[in-house]
Amino acid sequence: MNSDEMKGKWKQLKGSVRERWGKLTDDDIDIINGQNEQLVGKIREKYGIAKDEAQRQVDDWMRADQQAHDTDVERRRAS
């Protein structure tokens, strides 16, 4: 999933973001509004980590979400 896809799917992804980064508040989630750089910035702020680490976490999370989506699509096609 790229940044544009994240913006488009933001309403569906909010729960996953809250689950992964529990320190983010509802206000943080609203401010982020599907923007990759905002998400990275808020993670850095709340968790006190470097930008590279925050970006790695977001990239890993986006990759895992895409893999889950692809697996679900494949399951639906097979049935």
PDB file of N, CA and C in Angstrom:
ATOM      1  N   MET A   1       0.852  -1.164   0.000  1.00  0.00           N
ATOM      2  CA  MET A   1       0.000   0.000   0.000  1.00  0.00           C
ATOM      3  C   MET A   1       0.898   1.226   0.000  1.00  0.00           C
ATOM      4  N   ASN A   2       0.592   2.165  -0.875  1.00  0.00           N
ATOM      5  CA  ASN A   2       1.360   3.406  -0.892  1.00  0.00           C
ATOM      6  C   ASN A   2       0.591   4.494  -0.145  1.00  0.00           C
ATOM      7  N   SER A   3       1.178   5.676  -0.074  1.00  0.00           N
ATOM      8  CA  SER A   3       0.581   6.777   0.687  1.00  0.00           C
ATOM      9  C   SER A   3      -0.789   7.178   0.157  1.00  0.00           C
ATOM     10  N   ASP A   4      -0.956   7.178  -1.164  1.00  0.00           N
ATOM     11  CA  ASP A   4      -2.256   7.538  -1.736  1.00  0.00           C
ATOM     12  C   ASP A   4      -3.324   6.529  -1.346  1.00  0.00           C
ATOM     13  N   GLU A   5      -2.967   5.247  -1.369  1.00  0.00           N
ATOM     14  CA  GLU A   5      -3.915   4.205  -0.962  1.00  0.00           C
ATOM     15  C   GLU A   5      -4.251   4.347   0.518  1.00  0.00           C
ATOM     16  N   MET A   6      -3.251   4.693   1.327  1.00  0.00           N
ATOM     17  CA  MET A   6      -3.496   4.866   2.753  1.00  0.00           C
ATOM     18  C   MET A   6      -4.501   5.987   2.989  1.00  0.00           C
ATOM     19  N   LYS A   7      -4.361   7.084   2.277  1.00  0.00           N
ATOM     20  CA  LYS A   7      -5.314   8.193   2.420  1.00  0.00           C
ATOM     21  C   LYS A   7      -6.718   7.735   2.045  1.00  0.00           C
ATOM     22  N   GLY A   8      -6.830   6.969   0.963  1.00  0.00           N
ATOM     23  CA  GLY A   8      -8.132   6.512   0.495  1.00  0.00           C
ATOM     24  C   GLY A   8      -8.799   5.516   1.433  1.00  0.00           C
ATOM     25  N   LYS A   9      -8.006   4.744   2.144  1.00  0.00           N
ATOM     26  CA  LYS A   9      -8.526   3.712   3.040  1.00  0.00           C
ATOM     27  C   LYS A   9      -8.491   4.123   4.510  1.00  0.00           C
ATOM     28  N   TRP A  10      -8.217   5.394   4.789  1.00  0.00           N
ATOM     29  CA  TRP A  10      -7.945   5.819   6.148  1.00  0.00           C
ATOM     30  C   TRP A  10      -9.049   5.435   7.133  1.00  0.00           C
ATOM     31  N   LYS A  11     -10.307   5.599   6.765  1.00  0.00           N
ATOM     32  CA  LYS A  11     -11.400   5.267   7.696  1.00  0.00           C
ATOM     33  C   LYS A  11     -11.336   3.797   8.104  1.00  0.00           C
ATOM     34  N   GLN A  12     -10.988   2.910   7.175  1.00  0.00           N
ATOM     35  CA  GLN A  12     -10.893   1.490   7.499  1.00  0.00           C
ATOM     36  C   GLN A  12      -9.633   1.181   8.290  1.00  0.00           C
ATOM     37  N   LEU A  13      -8.592   1.974   8.113  1.00  0.00           N
ATOM     38  CA  LEU A  13      -7.297   1.696   8.743  1.00  0.00           C
ATOM     39  C   LEU A  13      -7.170   2.255  10.158  1.00  0.00           C
ATOM     40  N   LYS A  14      -8.050   3.168  10.532  1.00  0.00           N
ATOM     41  CA  LYS A  14      -7.932   3.806  11.844  1.00  0.00           C
ATOM     42  C   LYS A  14      -7.828   2.798  12.985  1.00  0.00           C
ATOM     43  N   GLY A  15      -8.661   1.789  12.966  1.00  0.00           N
ATOM     44  CA  GLY A  15      -8.644   0.789  14.035  1.00  0.00           C
ATOM     45  C   GLY A  15      -7.323   0.050  14.104  1.00  0.00           C
ATOM     46  N   SER A  16      -6.788  -0.275  12.957  1.00  0.00           N
ATOM     47  CA  SER A  16      -5.508  -0.964  12.894  1.00  0.00           C
ATOM     48  C   SER A  16      -4.389  -0.073  13.427  1.00  0.00           C
ATOM     49  N   VAL A  17      -4.450   1.217  13.121  1.00  0.00           N
ATOM     50  CA  VAL A  17      -3.448   2.168  13.610  1.00  0.00           C
ATOM     51  C   VAL A  17      -3.531   2.267  15.130  1.00  0.00           C
ATOM     52  N   ARG A  18      -4.754   2.372  15.651  1.00  0.00           N
ATOM     53  CA  ARG A  18      -4.928   2.449  17.111  1.00  0.00           C
ATOM     54  C   ARG A  18      -4.408   1.199  17.794  1.00  0.00           C
ATOM     55  N   GLU A  19      -4.647   0.051  17.160  1.00  0.00           N
ATOM     56  CA  GLU A  19      -4.191  -1.219  17.710  1.00  0.00           C
ATOM     57  C   GLU A  19      -2.665  -1.301  17.713  1.00  0.00           C
ATOM     58  N   ARG A  20      -2.039  -0.866  16.641  1.00  0.00           N
ATOM     59  CA  ARG A  20      -0.583  -0.962  16.500  1.00  0.00           C
ATOM     60  C   ARG A  20       0.153   0.067  17.342  1.00  0.00           C
ATOM     61  N   TRP A  21      -0.372   1.311  17.372  1.00  0.00           N
ATOM     62  CA  TRP A  21       0.268   2.397  18.111  1.00  0.00           C
ATOM     63  C   TRP A  21      -0.739   2.966  19.101  1.00  0.00           C
ATOM     64  N   GLY A  22      -0.899   2.274  20.209  1.00  0.00           N
ATOM     65  CA  GLY A  22      -1.915   2.602  21.212  1.00  0.00           C
ATOM     66  C   GLY A  22      -1.768   3.952  21.876  1.00  0.00           C
ATOM     67  N   LYS A  23      -0.590   4.553  21.792  1.00  0.00           N
ATOM     68  CA  LYS A  23      -0.402   5.862  22.414  1.00  0.00           C
ATOM     69  C   LYS A  23      -1.012   6.991  21.584  1.00  0.00           C
ATOM     70  N   LEU A  24      -1.385   6.715  20.348  1.00  0.00           N
ATOM     71  CA  LEU A  24      -1.998   7.740  19.507  1.00  0.00           C
ATOM     72  C   LEU A  24      -3.442   7.954  19.953  1.00  0.00           C
ATOM     73  N   THR A  25      -3.819   9.207  20.135  1.00  0.00           N
ATOM     74  CA  THR A  25      -5.170   9.554  20.562  1.00  0.00           C
ATOM     75  C   THR A  25      -6.102   9.673  19.355  1.00  0.00           C
ATOM     76  N   ASP A  26      -7.397   9.780  19.634  1.00  0.00           N
ATOM     77  CA  ASP A  26      -8.360  10.011  18.557  1.00  0.00           C
ATOM     78  C   ASP A  26      -8.044  11.318  17.829  1.00  0.00           C
ATOM     79  N   ASP A  27      -7.629  12.330  18.584  1.00  0.00           N
ATOM     80  CA  ASP A  27      -7.249  13.606  17.954  1.00  0.00           C
ATOM     81  C   ASP A  27      -6.045  13.412  17.040  1.00  0.00           C
ATOM     82  N   ASP A  28      -5.064  12.627  17.491  1.00  0.00           N
ATOM     83  CA  ASP A  28      -3.898  12.333  16.645  1.00  0.00           C
ATOM     84  C   ASP A  28      -4.346  11.669  15.349  1.00  0.00           C
ATOM     85  N   ILE A  29      -5.224  10.689  15.473  1.00  0.00           N
ATOM     86  CA  ILE A  29      -5.714   9.950  14.307  1.00  0.00           C
ATOM     87  C   ILE A  29      -6.414  10.899  13.332  1.00  0.00           C
ATOM     88  N   ASP A  30      -7.209  11.820  13.884  1.00  0.00           N
ATOM     89  CA  ASP A  30      -7.902  12.790  13.024  1.00  0.00           C
ATOM     90  C   ASP A  30      -6.914  13.722  12.321  1.00  0.00           C
ATOM     91  N   ILE A  31      -5.873  14.139  13.027  1.00  0.00           N
ATOM     92  CA  ILE A  31      -4.864  15.024  12.439  1.00  0.00           C
ATOM     93  C   ILE A  31      -4.098  14.295  11.340  1.00  0.00           C
ATOM     94  N   ILE A  32      -3.765  13.043  11.576  1.00  0.00           N
ATOM     95  CA  ILE A  32      -3.005  12.250  10.602  1.00  0.00           C
ATOM     96  C   ILE A  32      -3.777  12.140   9.290  1.00  0.00           C
ATOM     97  N   ASN A  33      -5.057  11.789   9.397  1.00  0.00           N
ATOM     98  CA  ASN A  33      -5.966  11.756   8.246  1.00  0.00           C
ATOM     99  C   ASN A  33      -5.373  11.051   7.024  1.00  0.00           C
ATOM    100  N   GLY A  34      -4.694   9.931   7.257  1.00  0.00           N
ATOM    101  CA  GLY A  34      -4.180   9.126   6.153  1.00  0.00           C
ATOM    102  C   GLY A  34      -2.892   9.617   5.540  1.00  0.00           C
ATOM    103  N   GLN A  35      -2.245  10.580   6.147  1.00  0.00           N
ATOM    104  CA  GLN A  35      -1.009  11.133   5.599  1.00  0.00           C
ATOM    105  C   GLN A  35       0.191  10.431   6.231  1.00  0.00           C
ATOM    106  N   ASN A  36       0.985   9.808   5.402  1.00  0.00           N
ATOM    107  CA  ASN A  36       2.127   9.030   5.861  1.00  0.00           C
ATOM    108  C   ASN A  36       3.061   9.852   6.745  1.00  0.00           C
ATOM    109  N   GLU A  37       3.433  11.028   6.300  1.00  0.00           N
ATOM    110  CA  GLU A  37       4.381  11.840   7.069  1.00  0.00           C
ATOM    111  C   GLU A  37       3.805  12.267   8.406  1.00  0.00           C
ATOM    112  N   GLN A  38       2.511  12.529   8.452  1.00  0.00           N
ATOM    113  CA  GLN A  38       1.870  12.878   9.721  1.00  0.00           C
ATOM    114  C   GLN A  38       1.897  11.689  10.673  1.00  0.00           C
ATOM    115  N   LEU A  39       1.631  10.492  10.140  1.00  0.00           N
ATOM    116  CA  LEU A  39       1.661   9.289  10.965  1.00  0.00           C
ATOM    117  C   LEU A  39       3.056   9.068  11.522  1.00  0.00           C
ATOM    118  N   VAL A  40       4.058   9.165  10.671  1.00  0.00           N
ATOM    119  CA  VAL A  40       5.447   8.992  11.118  1.00  0.00           C
ATOM    120  C   VAL A  40       5.785  10.026  12.191  1.00  0.00           C
ATOM    121  N   GLY A  41       5.390  11.264  11.976  1.00  0.00           N
ATOM    122  CA  GLY A  41       5.664  12.328  12.940  1.00  0.00           C
ATOM    123  C   GLY A  41       5.020  12.086  14.285  1.00  0.00           C
ATOM    124  N   LYS A  42       3.763  11.666  14.276  1.00  0.00           N
ATOM    125  CA  LYS A  42       3.055  11.400  15.543  1.00  0.00           C
ATOM    126  C   LYS A  42       3.667  10.207  16.268  1.00  0.00           C
ATOM    127  N   ILE A  43       4.083   9.188  15.526  1.00  0.00           N
ATOM    128  CA  ILE A  43       4.728   8.027  16.151  1.00  0.00           C
ATOM    129  C   ILE A  43       6.041   8.475  16.797  1.00  0.00           C
ATOM    130  N   ARG A  44       6.801   9.277  16.100  1.00  0.00           N
ATOM    131  CA  ARG A  44       8.060   9.804  16.660  1.00  0.00           C
ATOM    132  C   ARG A  44       7.786  10.570  17.942  1.00  0.00           C
ATOM    133  N   GLU A  45       6.789  11.434  17.898  1.00  0.00           N
ATOM    134  CA  GLU A  45       6.449  12.281  19.041  1.00  0.00           C
ATOM    135  C   GLU A  45       6.004  11.446  20.243  1.00  0.00           C
ATOM    136  N   LYS A  46       5.102  10.497  20.018  1.00  0.00           N
ATOM    137  CA  LYS A  46       4.518   9.723  21.127  1.00  0.00           C
ATOM    138  C   LYS A  46       5.463   8.661  21.683  1.00  0.00           C
ATOM    139  N   TYR A  47       6.322   8.108  20.815  1.00  0.00           N
ATOM    140  CA  TYR A  47       7.179   7.002  21.232  1.00  0.00           C
ATOM    141  C   TYR A  47       8.646   7.398  21.397  1.00  0.00           C
ATOM    142  N   GLY A  48       8.994   8.623  21.054  1.00  0.00           N
ATOM    143  CA  GLY A  48      10.356   9.104  21.227  1.00  0.00           C
ATOM    144  C   GLY A  48      11.391   8.317  20.440  1.00  0.00           C
ATOM    145  N   ILE A  49      11.052   8.022  19.198  1.00  0.00           N
ATOM    146  CA  ILE A  49      11.968   7.246  18.361  1.00  0.00           C
ATOM    147  C   ILE A  49      12.411   8.084  17.166  1.00  0.00           C
ATOM    148  N   ALA A  50      13.460   7.622  16.514  1.00  0.00           N
ATOM    149  CA  ALA A  50      14.005   8.322  15.345  1.00  0.00           C
ATOM    150  C   ALA A  50      13.059   8.206  14.152  1.00  0.00           C
ATOM    151  N   LYS A  51      13.196   9.154  13.244  1.00  0.00           N
ATOM    152  CA  LYS A  51      12.345   9.170  12.051  1.00  0.00           C
ATOM    153  C   LYS A  51      12.487   7.877  11.249  1.00  0.00           C
ATOM    154  N   ASP A  52      13.716   7.403  11.078  1.00  0.00           N
ATOM    155  CA  ASP A  52      13.937   6.174  10.308  1.00  0.00           C
ATOM    156  C   ASP A  52      13.211   4.982  10.929  1.00  0.00           C
ATOM    157  N   GLU A  53      13.253   4.891  12.249  1.00  0.00           N
ATOM    158  CA  GLU A  53      12.573   3.785  12.942  1.00  0.00           C
ATOM    159  C   GLU A  53      11.060   3.916  12.806  1.00  0.00           C
ATOM    160  N   ALA A  54      10.544   5.121  12.963  1.00  0.00           N
ATOM    161  CA  ALA A  54       9.102   5.334  12.820  1.00  0.00           C
ATOM    162  C   ALA A  54       8.656   4.986  11.403  1.00  0.00           C
ATOM    163  N   GLN A  55       9.439   5.393  10.402  1.00  0.00           N
ATOM    164  CA  GLN A  55       9.098   5.085   9.013  1.00  0.00           C
ATOM    165  C   GLN A  55       9.153   3.585   8.761  1.00  0.00           C
ATOM    166  N   ARG A  56      10.140   2.904   9.352  1.00  0.00           N
ATOM    167  CA  ARG A  56      10.238   1.451   9.202  1.00  0.00           C
ATOM    168  C   ARG A  56       9.008   0.774   9.781  1.00  0.00           C
ATOM    169  N   GLN A  57       8.551   1.230  10.945  1.00  0.00           N
ATOM    170  CA  GLN A  57       7.352   0.657  11.546  1.00  0.00           C
ATOM    171  C   GLN A  57       6.131   0.860  10.662  1.00  0.00           C
ATOM    172  N   VAL A  58       5.991   2.052  10.111  1.00  0.00           N
ATOM    173  CA  VAL A  58       4.849   2.337   9.225  1.00  0.00           C
ATOM    174  C   VAL A  58       4.942   1.483   7.968  1.00  0.00           C
ATOM    175  N   ASP A  59       6.122   1.388   7.384  1.00  0.00           N
ATOM    176  CA  ASP A  59       6.300   0.565   6.178  1.00  0.00           C
ATOM    177  C   ASP A  59       5.956  -0.895   6.460  1.00  0.00           C
ATOM    178  N   ASP A  60       6.432  -1.422   7.593  1.00  0.00           N
ATOM    179  CA  ASP A  60       6.132  -2.805   7.971  1.00  0.00           C
ATOM    180  C   ASP A  60       4.633  -2.999   8.163  1.00  0.00           C
ATOM    181  N   TRP A  61       3.992  -2.051   8.820  1.00  0.00           N
ATOM    182  CA  TRP A  61       2.554  -2.116   9.067  1.00  0.00           C
ATOM    183  C   TRP A  61       1.775  -2.072   7.744  1.00  0.00           C
ATOM    184  N   MET A  62       2.180  -1.184   6.839  1.00  0.00           N
ATOM    185  CA  MET A  62       1.499  -1.086   5.547  1.00  0.00           C
ATOM    186  C   MET A  62       1.687  -2.363   4.729  1.00  0.00           C
ATOM    187  N   ARG A  63       2.877  -2.924   4.776  1.00  0.00           N
ATOM    188  CA  ARG A  63       3.167  -4.164   4.050  1.00  0.00           C
ATOM    189  C   ARG A  63       2.315  -5.314   4.602  1.00  0.00           C
ATOM    190  N   ALA A  64       2.207  -5.402   5.923  1.00  0.00           N
ATOM    191  CA  ALA A  64       1.407  -6.459   6.544  1.00  0.00           C
ATOM    192  C   ALA A  64      -0.069  -6.298   6.190  1.00  0.00           C
ATOM    193  N   ASP A  65      -0.552  -5.063   6.163  1.00  0.00           N
ATOM    194  CA  ASP A  65      -1.946  -4.816   5.791  1.00  0.00           C
ATOM    195  C   ASP A  65      -2.189  -5.230   4.345  1.00  0.00           C
ATOM    196  N   GLN A  66      -1.265  -4.920   3.470  1.00  0.00           N
ATOM    197  CA  GLN A  66      -1.403  -5.290   2.060  1.00  0.00           C
ATOM    198  C   GLN A  66      -1.389  -6.805   1.892  1.00  0.00           C
ATOM    199  N   GLN A  67      -0.516  -7.479   2.625  1.00  0.00           N
ATOM    200  CA  GLN A  67      -0.452  -8.940   2.545  1.00  0.00           C
ATOM    201  C   GLN A  67      -1.758  -9.564   3.031  1.00  0.00           C
ATOM    202  N   ALA A  68      -2.311  -9.027   4.113  1.00  0.00           N
ATOM    203  CA  ALA A  68      -3.584  -9.539   4.625  1.00  0.00           C
ATOM    204  C   ALA A  68      -4.693  -9.326   3.597  1.00  0.00           C
ATOM    205  N   HIS A  69      -4.683  -8.175   2.969  1.00  0.00           N
ATOM    206  CA  HIS A  69      -5.680  -7.876   1.935  1.00  0.00           C
ATOM    207  C   HIS A  69      -5.526  -8.831   0.748  1.00  0.00           C
ATOM    208  N   ASP A  70      -4.300  -9.030   0.293  1.00  0.00           N
ATOM    209  CA  ASP A  70      -4.047  -9.926  -0.840  1.00  0.00           C
ATOM    210  C   ASP A  70      -4.476 -11.354  -0.526  1.00  0.00           C
ATOM    211  N   THR A  71      -4.204 -11.812   0.688  1.00  0.00           N
ATOM    212  CA  THR A  71      -4.602 -13.158   1.105  1.00  0.00           C
ATOM    213  C   THR A  71      -6.116 -13.279   1.101  1.00  0.00           C
ATOM    214  N   ASP A  72      -6.801 -12.250   1.586  1.00  0.00           N
ATOM    215  CA  ASP A  72      -8.265 -12.260   1.608  1.00  0.00           C
ATOM    216  C   ASP A  72      -8.833 -12.312   0.193  1.00  0.00           C
ATOM    217  N   VAL A  73      -8.253 -11.550  -0.706  1.00  0.00           N
ATOM    218  CA  VAL A  73      -8.698 -11.549  -2.113  1.00  0.00           C
ATOM    219  C   VAL A  73      -8.504 -12.933  -2.726  1.00  0.00           C
ATOM    220  N   GLU A  74      -7.345 -13.539  -2.478  1.00  0.00           N
ATOM    221  CA  GLU A  74      -7.068 -14.870  -3.017  1.00  0.00           C
ATOM    222  C   GLU A  74      -8.062 -15.915  -2.468  1.00  0.00           C
ATOM    223  N   ARG A  75      -8.377 -15.796  -1.193  1.00  0.00           N
ATOM    224  CA  ARG A  75      -9.349 -16.722  -0.579  1.00  0.00           C
ATOM    225  C   ARG A  75     -10.710 -16.600  -1.243  1.00  0.00           C
ATOM    226  N   ARG A  76     -11.120 -15.360  -1.508  1.00  0.00           N
ATOM    227  CA  ARG A  76     -12.419 -15.126  -2.140  1.00  0.00           C
ATOM    228  C   ARG A  76     -12.452 -15.682  -3.556  1.00  0.00           C
ATOM    229  N   ARG A  77     -11.347 -15.529  -4.274  1.00  0.00           N
ATOM    230  CA  ARG A  77     -11.271 -16.061  -5.646  1.00  0.00           C
ATOM    231  C   ARG A  77     -11.325 -17.577  -5.659  1.00  0.00           C
ATOM    232  N   ALA A  78     -10.730 -18.198  -4.662  1.00  0.00           N
ATOM    233  CA  ALA A  78     -10.662 -19.662  -4.606  1.00  0.00           C
ATOM    234  C   ALA A  78     -12.013 -20.280  -4.246  1.00  0.00           C
ATOM    235  N   SER A  79     -12.884 -19.512  -3.598  1.00  0.00           N
ATOM    236  CA  SER A  79     -14.169 -20.107  -3.191  1.00  0.00           C
ATOM    237  C   SER A  79     -15.252 -19.983  -4.215  1.00  0.00           C
TER     238      SER A  79
END
